[in-house]
Protein backbone atom coordinates (compact mmCIF):
# COMPACT_ATOMS: atom_id res chain seq x y z
CA MET A 1 -53.75 34.84 154.85
CA THR A 2 -55.40 37.79 154.53
CA HIS A 3 -54.22 39.59 151.24
CA ARG A 4 -53.88 43.54 151.97
CA VAL A 5 -54.90 45.51 148.63
CA LEU A 6 -53.97 49.38 148.12
CA ILE A 7 -55.99 51.75 145.99
CA LEU A 8 -54.78 54.40 145.00
CA GLY A 9 -56.86 57.07 144.30
CA GLY A 10 -59.07 55.03 145.76
CA GLN A 11 -62.07 58.16 147.35
CA GLY A 12 -62.49 58.61 143.78
CA ARG A 13 -65.76 57.58 142.02
CA ILE A 14 -64.16 54.53 140.02
CA GLY A 15 -61.76 53.63 143.11
CA SER A 16 -64.19 53.63 145.54
CA SER A 17 -66.18 51.63 143.38
CA VAL A 18 -63.59 49.08 143.03
CA ALA A 19 -62.99 48.99 146.74
CA ARG A 20 -66.66 48.32 147.66
CA ASP A 21 -66.63 45.49 144.83
CA LEU A 22 -63.56 44.26 146.73
CA ALA A 23 -64.84 44.57 150.25
CA THR A 24 -68.06 42.67 148.93
CA TYR A 25 -66.56 39.71 147.11
CA THR A 26 -63.16 39.41 149.35
CA SER A 27 -61.71 39.50 152.95
CA ALA A 28 -59.01 41.42 151.64
CA GLU A 29 -57.97 43.93 153.80
CA ILE A 30 -57.96 47.62 151.69
CA THR A 31 -56.70 50.17 151.93
CA VAL A 32 -57.27 53.61 150.28
CA THR A 33 -55.33 56.46 149.78
CA GLY A 34 -55.95 60.48 148.78
CA ARG A 35 -54.62 63.75 149.88
CA SER A 36 -56.77 63.67 152.74
CA LEU A 37 -60.01 61.89 154.13
CA ARG A 38 -62.97 63.28 151.90
CA ALA A 39 -65.79 61.70 153.92
CA PRO A 40 -65.87 58.92 156.61
CA LEU A 41 -65.49 54.88 155.08
CA ASP A 42 -67.14 52.25 155.40
CA SER A 43 -65.58 49.46 157.18
CA PRO A 44 -63.78 47.21 156.34
CA LEU A 45 -62.06 50.13 154.50
CA GLN A 46 -58.65 52.28 155.43
CA PHE A 47 -57.45 55.49 154.98
CA LEU A 48 -53.77 56.18 154.41
CA PRO A 49 -52.96 59.81 153.47
CA LEU A 50 -50.49 59.72 150.42
CA ASN A 51 -49.19 62.06 147.64
CA LEU A 52 -47.57 60.02 144.68
CA GLU A 53 -45.29 62.79 144.53
CA ASP A 54 -43.35 61.10 148.19
CA ILE A 55 -41.82 58.56 146.81
CA PRO A 56 -40.63 57.25 150.05
CA ARG A 57 -43.80 57.16 151.45
CA LEU A 58 -45.22 55.77 148.01
CA ARG A 59 -42.71 52.87 148.39
CA GLN A 60 -43.68 52.02 151.85
CA ALA A 61 -46.95 51.74 151.04
CA ILE A 62 -46.67 49.29 148.37
CA LYS A 63 -44.21 46.95 149.89
CA ASN A 64 -46.78 46.37 152.82
CA CYS A 65 -49.28 44.92 150.66
CA HIS A 66 -49.84 42.24 147.86
CA LEU A 67 -51.29 44.17 145.08
CA VAL A 68 -51.82 47.54 143.87
CA VAL A 69 -54.96 48.85 141.84
CA HIS A 70 -53.69 52.34 140.59
CA CYS A 71 -57.01 54.32 140.02
CA ALA A 72 -55.56 57.87 140.62
CA GLY A 73 -56.25 59.29 137.18
CA PRO A 74 -56.12 61.13 134.80
CA PHE A 75 -53.53 58.98 133.37
CA HIS A 76 -52.76 61.46 130.41
CA HIS A 77 -49.82 62.96 132.61
CA ARG A 78 -49.09 59.70 134.88
CA ASP A 79 -45.76 58.09 134.68
CA GLY A 80 -45.21 54.35 135.35
CA ARG A 81 -43.57 55.15 139.02
CA VAL A 82 -46.18 53.07 140.75
CA LEU A 83 -45.79 49.90 138.43
CA LYS A 84 -41.74 50.58 139.04
CA ILE A 85 -41.99 50.40 142.37
CA CYS A 86 -44.13 47.23 141.93
CA ILE A 87 -41.60 45.73 140.13
CA GLU A 88 -38.79 46.42 142.40
CA GLU A 89 -41.08 45.20 145.32
CA GLY A 90 -42.53 42.29 143.59
CA VAL A 91 -45.92 43.38 144.33
CA ASN A 92 -48.68 42.75 141.86
CA TYR A 93 -50.31 45.53 139.90
CA LEU A 94 -53.88 46.57 137.85
CA ASP A 95 -54.86 49.80 136.88
CA VAL A 96 -57.61 51.41 135.13
CA SER A 97 -55.34 53.62 132.85
CA ASP A 98 -57.44 54.86 129.87
CA HIS A 99 -54.69 56.47 127.57
CA ARG A 100 -52.42 54.81 125.34
CA SER A 101 -49.94 57.56 126.30
CA PHE A 102 -49.80 55.78 129.61
CA PHE A 103 -49.44 52.44 127.83
CA GLN A 104 -46.71 54.24 125.68
CA LYS A 105 -44.73 55.25 128.80
CA VAL A 106 -45.12 51.61 130.52
CA VAL A 107 -44.58 49.05 128.31
CA ALA A 108 -40.96 49.42 128.56
CA TYR A 109 -41.11 47.53 131.85
CA ARG A 110 -43.11 44.51 130.25
CA GLU A 111 -39.25 42.18 130.72
CA ALA A 112 -38.30 43.72 134.13
CA ALA A 113 -42.34 42.53 135.06
CA ALA A 114 -41.83 39.46 133.81
CA GLU A 115 -37.89 38.71 135.57
CA ALA A 116 -39.88 39.79 139.05
CA GLY A 117 -42.82 37.39 138.44
CA ILE A 118 -45.36 39.95 139.15
CA THR A 119 -48.43 39.84 137.26
CA ALA A 120 -49.23 43.44 135.81
CA ILE A 121 -52.28 44.13 134.10
CA LEU A 122 -53.17 47.68 132.20
CA ASN A 123 -56.77 48.98 131.41
CA THR A 124 -59.05 47.41 133.67
CA GLY A 125 -62.38 48.70 134.39
CA ILE A 126 -65.67 49.15 131.87
CA PHE A 127 -64.24 50.74 128.68
CA PRO A 128 -61.21 50.03 128.68
CA GLY A 129 -61.69 46.81 130.64
CA ILE A 130 -64.57 44.58 129.98
CA SER A 131 -65.06 46.12 126.74
CA ASN A 132 -61.98 44.80 125.39
CA SER A 133 -62.85 40.92 127.30
CA MET A 134 -66.02 41.24 124.77
CA VAL A 135 -63.59 41.69 121.50
CA ARG A 136 -61.27 39.04 122.77
CA GLN A 137 -64.68 36.88 123.73
CA GLY A 138 -66.05 37.67 120.02
CA VAL A 139 -62.85 37.39 118.12
CA GLU A 140 -62.38 33.76 119.58
CA GLN A 141 -65.45 32.79 118.07
CA LEU A 142 -64.53 33.11 114.13
CA ASP A 143 -61.60 31.33 112.44
CA SER A 144 -60.31 34.72 111.65
CA ALA A 145 -61.13 38.53 112.45
CA ASP A 146 -61.04 41.54 110.04
CA THR A 147 -62.53 44.62 111.38
CA ILE A 148 -63.05 45.46 115.43
CA HIS A 149 -65.71 47.97 115.50
CA LEU A 150 -66.33 49.13 119.11
CA SER A 151 -68.89 51.45 120.03
CA TYR A 152 -70.01 52.91 123.47
CA VAL A 153 -72.40 55.26 125.06
CA VAL A 154 -72.14 56.86 128.29
CA ALA A 155 -75.39 58.66 129.88
CA GLY A 156 -75.11 62.14 131.60
CA SER A 157 -72.01 61.66 133.79
CA GLY A 158 -71.78 58.30 133.87
CA GLY A 159 -71.78 58.25 138.05
CA ALA A 160 -68.35 59.29 137.73
CA GLY A 161 -66.41 62.37 138.92
CA ILE A 162 -64.42 65.37 137.88
CA THR A 163 -61.54 63.35 136.97
CA VAL A 164 -63.47 61.54 134.06
CA MET A 165 -64.11 64.85 132.60
CA ARG A 166 -60.74 65.86 132.66
CA THR A 167 -59.82 63.04 130.39
CA THR A 168 -62.55 63.54 128.14
CA PHE A 169 -61.14 67.55 127.28
CA LEU A 170 -57.72 66.25 127.57
CA GLY A 171 -57.99 64.15 124.30
CA LEU A 172 -60.16 66.34 122.27
CA ARG A 173 -57.76 68.41 120.23
CA GLN A 174 -55.08 65.61 119.23
CA PRO A 175 -54.91 63.53 116.42
CA PHE A 176 -54.25 60.27 117.18
CA GLU A 177 -53.13 56.80 115.33
CA ALA A 178 -55.67 54.45 114.26
CA TRP A 179 -55.13 51.30 112.66
CA ARG A 180 -57.00 51.04 109.65
CA ASN A 181 -56.22 48.82 106.75
CA GLY A 182 -53.42 47.26 107.79
CA GLN A 183 -51.65 50.54 108.76
CA TRP A 184 -51.54 53.53 111.40
CA GLN A 185 -53.24 56.48 109.88
CA SER A 186 -54.14 59.57 111.66
CA VAL A 187 -57.68 60.38 112.71
CA LEU A 188 -58.87 63.20 114.51
CA PRO A 189 -61.40 63.06 117.63
CA TYR A 190 -65.15 63.36 117.60
CA THR A 191 -65.02 62.90 113.65
CA GLU A 192 -67.08 61.09 111.57
CA ARG A 193 -69.98 60.70 113.32
CA GLU A 194 -71.79 57.16 113.30
CA THR A 195 -74.99 55.95 114.16
CA ILE A 196 -75.63 53.03 116.38
CA GLU A 197 -78.19 51.09 117.65
CA PHE A 198 -77.50 50.10 121.26
CA PRO A 199 -79.67 47.89 123.65
CA GLN A 200 -82.66 49.58 124.97
CA PRO A 201 -83.08 51.89 127.16
CA TYR A 202 -80.51 54.02 124.46
CA GLY A 203 -81.41 53.07 121.33
CA LYS A 204 -79.81 54.61 118.32
CA THR A 205 -77.23 57.25 119.26
CA GLY A 206 -74.27 58.80 117.49
CA VAL A 207 -70.46 57.97 118.40
CA TYR A 208 -67.48 59.59 117.62
CA TRP A 209 -63.89 58.74 116.60
CA PHE A 210 -62.44 58.47 120.27
CA ASP A 211 -58.29 57.76 121.69
CA VAL A 212 -58.57 55.41 123.63
CA PRO A 213 -55.72 52.46 124.23
CA GLU A 214 -57.75 49.86 122.73
CA THR A 215 -56.94 51.32 119.72
CA TYR A 216 -53.24 50.58 120.15
CA THR A 217 -53.57 47.45 122.02
CA PHE A 218 -55.85 45.11 119.86
CA ALA A 219 -53.42 45.70 117.08
CA GLU A 220 -50.87 44.07 118.86
CA SER A 221 -53.36 41.61 120.79
CA PHE A 222 -54.87 40.23 117.43
CA PRO A 223 -52.69 40.28 114.54
CA GLY A 224 -54.36 39.10 111.87
CA VAL A 225 -57.03 42.37 112.15
CA LYS A 226 -56.91 44.71 109.61
CA ASN A 227 -59.05 47.56 111.33
CA VAL A 228 -59.59 48.57 115.08
CA ILE A 229 -62.36 51.06 115.19
CA THR A 230 -63.16 52.85 118.81
CA LYS A 231 -65.96 55.51 119.02
CA PHE A 232 -67.92 57.23 121.62
CA GLY A 233 -70.54 59.02 122.18
CA SER A 234 -72.48 60.50 124.77
CA ILE A 235 -76.51 61.02 126.11
CA PRO A 236 -78.26 63.35 125.87
CA ASP A 237 -77.52 63.58 122.05
CA LEU A 238 -76.89 67.41 122.85
CA TYR A 239 -73.39 66.60 124.60
CA ASN A 240 -72.65 65.20 121.53
CA HIS A 241 -72.83 68.38 120.01
CA LEU A 242 -71.24 70.55 122.31
CA THR A 243 -68.46 67.90 122.84
CA TRP A 244 -67.78 68.62 118.99
CA ILE A 245 -67.75 72.11 118.86
CA THR A 246 -65.42 72.47 121.57
CA ALA A 247 -63.20 69.69 119.84
CA HIS A 248 -63.64 71.96 116.04
CA ILE A 249 -64.79 75.29 116.86
CA PHE A 250 -63.31 76.89 119.90
CA PRO A 251 -59.51 77.88 119.60
CA ALA A 252 -56.83 75.59 120.55
CA SER A 253 -55.90 78.36 123.50
CA TRP A 254 -59.26 77.48 125.50
CA VAL A 255 -59.45 73.79 125.07
CA GLU A 256 -55.77 72.92 125.39
CA SER A 257 -54.68 74.86 128.17
CA PRO A 258 -55.09 73.56 131.73
CA LYS A 259 -57.22 76.57 132.57
CA GLY A 260 -59.14 75.36 129.65
CA ILE A 261 -59.19 71.85 130.29
CA GLU A 262 -60.62 73.12 133.97
CA PHE A 263 -63.17 75.19 132.92
CA PHE A 264 -64.86 73.29 130.19
CA SER A 265 -64.85 70.36 133.12
CA HIS A 266 -66.13 71.85 135.45
CA VAL A 267 -69.10 73.50 133.25
CA SER A 268 -69.69 69.78 132.18
CA TYR A 269 -70.17 68.56 135.45
CA ALA A 270 -72.59 70.89 136.51
CA MET A 271 -74.40 70.86 133.53
CA THR A 272 -74.31 66.62 133.84
CA ALA A 273 -75.18 67.18 137.89
CA VAL A 274 -78.75 68.47 136.18
CA THR A 275 -79.20 66.08 133.12
CA ASP A 276 -78.63 62.83 135.40
CA ARG A 277 -81.79 63.30 137.41
CA PHE A 278 -83.72 61.91 133.61
CA SER A 279 -80.93 60.71 131.35
CA GLY A 280 -79.91 58.46 133.94
CA VAL A 281 -75.61 57.54 134.84
CA GLY A 282 -75.52 53.81 132.86
CA VAL A 283 -73.36 53.06 129.91
CA ALA A 284 -74.05 50.48 126.74
CA MET A 285 -71.14 48.71 124.44
CA ARG A 286 -71.49 47.34 121.57
CA ALA A 287 -68.24 44.87 119.80
CA GLU A 288 -68.72 44.11 116.27
CA ILE A 289 -66.19 41.42 115.20
CA ARG A 290 -66.46 40.88 110.73
CA GLY A 291 -64.13 37.88 109.67
CA ARG A 292 -64.96 34.45 108.65
CA LYS A 293 -65.93 31.53 110.15
CA ASN A 294 -66.35 28.05 108.41
CA GLY A 295 -65.27 29.31 104.99
CA GLN A 296 -68.38 32.27 105.48
CA ALA A 297 -67.73 35.49 105.90
CA THR A 298 -69.15 36.19 109.65
CA THR A 299 -69.81 39.12 112.00
CA HIS A 300 -69.94 38.48 115.63
CA CYS A 301 -71.94 41.35 117.87
CA SER A 302 -71.97 41.62 121.41
CA THR A 303 -73.32 44.01 123.67
CA PHE A 304 -73.41 44.97 127.39
CA VAL A 305 -75.34 47.47 129.46
CA HIS A 306 -75.04 48.62 132.67
CA LYS A 307 -77.22 51.56 135.04
CA ASN A 308 -74.45 53.33 136.14
CA THR A 309 -70.82 53.58 134.49
CA ALA A 310 -68.87 53.93 137.57
CA VAL A 311 -70.26 50.59 139.46
CA SER A 312 -69.57 48.47 136.58
CA ALA A 313 -66.00 49.74 136.23
CA GLY A 314 -65.40 49.48 139.97
CA MET A 315 -66.61 45.62 138.94
CA GLY A 316 -64.61 44.79 135.96
CA THR A 317 -61.47 46.09 137.84
CA GLY A 318 -62.90 44.07 140.98
CA SER A 319 -63.52 40.87 139.58
CA VAL A 320 -59.80 40.75 138.12
CA ALA A 321 -58.31 42.02 141.63
CA GLN A 322 -60.23 38.88 143.14
CA LEU A 323 -58.93 36.70 140.68
CA VAL A 324 -55.30 37.83 140.78
CA LEU A 325 -55.45 37.55 145.10
CA ASP A 326 -56.89 34.02 145.17
CA GLY A 327 -54.21 33.06 141.99
CA THR A 328 -56.73 31.77 139.66
CA LEU A 329 -55.47 34.33 137.36
CA LYS A 330 -51.35 34.42 137.50
CA LYS A 331 -49.34 35.82 134.26
CA PRO A 332 -45.61 36.77 134.78
CA GLY A 333 -45.33 40.08 132.78
CA LEU A 334 -47.16 43.22 131.43
CA TRP A 335 -50.09 43.00 129.73
CA SER A 336 -53.75 44.79 128.42
CA ILE A 337 -56.52 43.34 129.98
CA GLU A 338 -57.30 41.53 127.02
CA GLN A 339 -54.00 39.91 126.52
CA ALA A 340 -54.14 38.50 130.26
CA LEU A 341 -57.71 37.50 131.30
CA PRO A 342 -58.86 34.10 128.95
CA THR A 343 -62.31 34.29 127.78
CA ASP A 344 -63.70 31.24 130.29
CA LEU A 345 -62.34 33.67 133.46
CA PHE A 346 -64.38 36.61 131.82
CA GLU A 347 -67.11 35.04 131.18
CA ARG A 348 -67.13 33.33 134.94
CA ALA A 349 -66.36 36.77 136.69
CA MET A 350 -69.25 38.66 134.72
CA GLU A 351 -71.63 35.93 135.56
CA SER A 352 -70.41 36.11 139.68
CA ARG A 353 -71.41 39.85 139.47
CA GLY A 354 -74.61 39.27 137.79
CA LEU A 355 -73.63 41.28 134.69
CA MET A 356 -74.84 39.88 130.93
CA ILE A 357 -72.96 40.22 127.69
CA GLN A 358 -75.60 39.72 125.09
CA GLN A 359 -73.80 37.87 121.83
CA SER A 360 -75.18 36.91 118.47
CA ALA A 361 -73.63 35.66 114.90
CA GLN A 362 -74.58 36.38 111.28
CA SER A 363 -73.11 34.53 108.17
CA VAL A 364 -72.97 36.26 104.96
CA LYS A 365 -73.54 34.28 101.61
CA ARG A 366 -70.80 34.85 99.01
CA GLY A 367 -71.69 38.10 97.57
CA GLN A 368 -73.49 40.00 99.93
CA SER A 369 -72.10 42.20 102.44
CA PRO A 370 -72.12 42.02 105.86
CA GLN A 371 -75.27 43.01 108.26
CA PRO A 372 -74.08 43.22 111.79
CA PRO A 373 -77.39 41.57 113.85
CA SER A 374 -79.58 43.77 115.45
CA PRO A 375 -78.39 44.14 119.26
């Protein structure tokens, strides 16, 4: 049987990357949606004009497929209508959602998804996505984990489009709750700069607190963990300083208004169109898990690098979609990616795409402070 996949927002940078990955690794019939066709599609992709506000037409599109992949961000303003229809029609669901507000909206559908027998997985992609599975991989290497420190850095635009720029600016001015010392504490985005050493070609660069769904889901996924730190930065470092100024110096009325967000997003996108030529559009991630192994304090560190952020996001989501389509990954209910994807399947998926996760661990003798190993 040929599986039918519907990719909402499939003409965007992330959605099109997911479509290309599925076309490469599966024989599925793939339909991508958008308000209008922007450019001719490569075979075997098909196009369906669709507005997500048109509920009857959306329902008809969903009921005719086996899997829906929701890539139509930004997810700050999305509700759970797509997931709700998937549950009602018995269709499996994945998304590339990247904000906790969306998770908090759709978590109410957990029981309904389980009763419908569909597999619904949130936060697939690169970060969140591959990053979440790196953390699960590291936590499972220890007897107990106390602290998760997850850092990301993106070069230039990351190969993504204007929607990702909007996502960044939408989250700049709002304090968020972070899991620190076993309780929720308010944190301001783009504060507490740290210098993290990422693998080459990125090396040492600055990262800052940033509101991502991992901050929220890890506290649930790994109940023994007392601290979840999630920090993000850009290359070149000039963008970090400009973003900090936007977050902390400019009047809130400029940054928080729809017109302001559009202005900053388009200016940033224009700037990266120039700097991408020498910075590249890659991504690096570093997951550091601190805990205990065989009675000793131990730090587990894993790193990931890819030359194109959008392409690697497509691989992250596409590999999960492939597992769902072939029946290897079947977990009725609604889950974040680290809750749904076992580590052995994650490692197999990464290997199938030629993606490498570098891992190392360091035990620390009693009386000494853990020092993370070099990536």
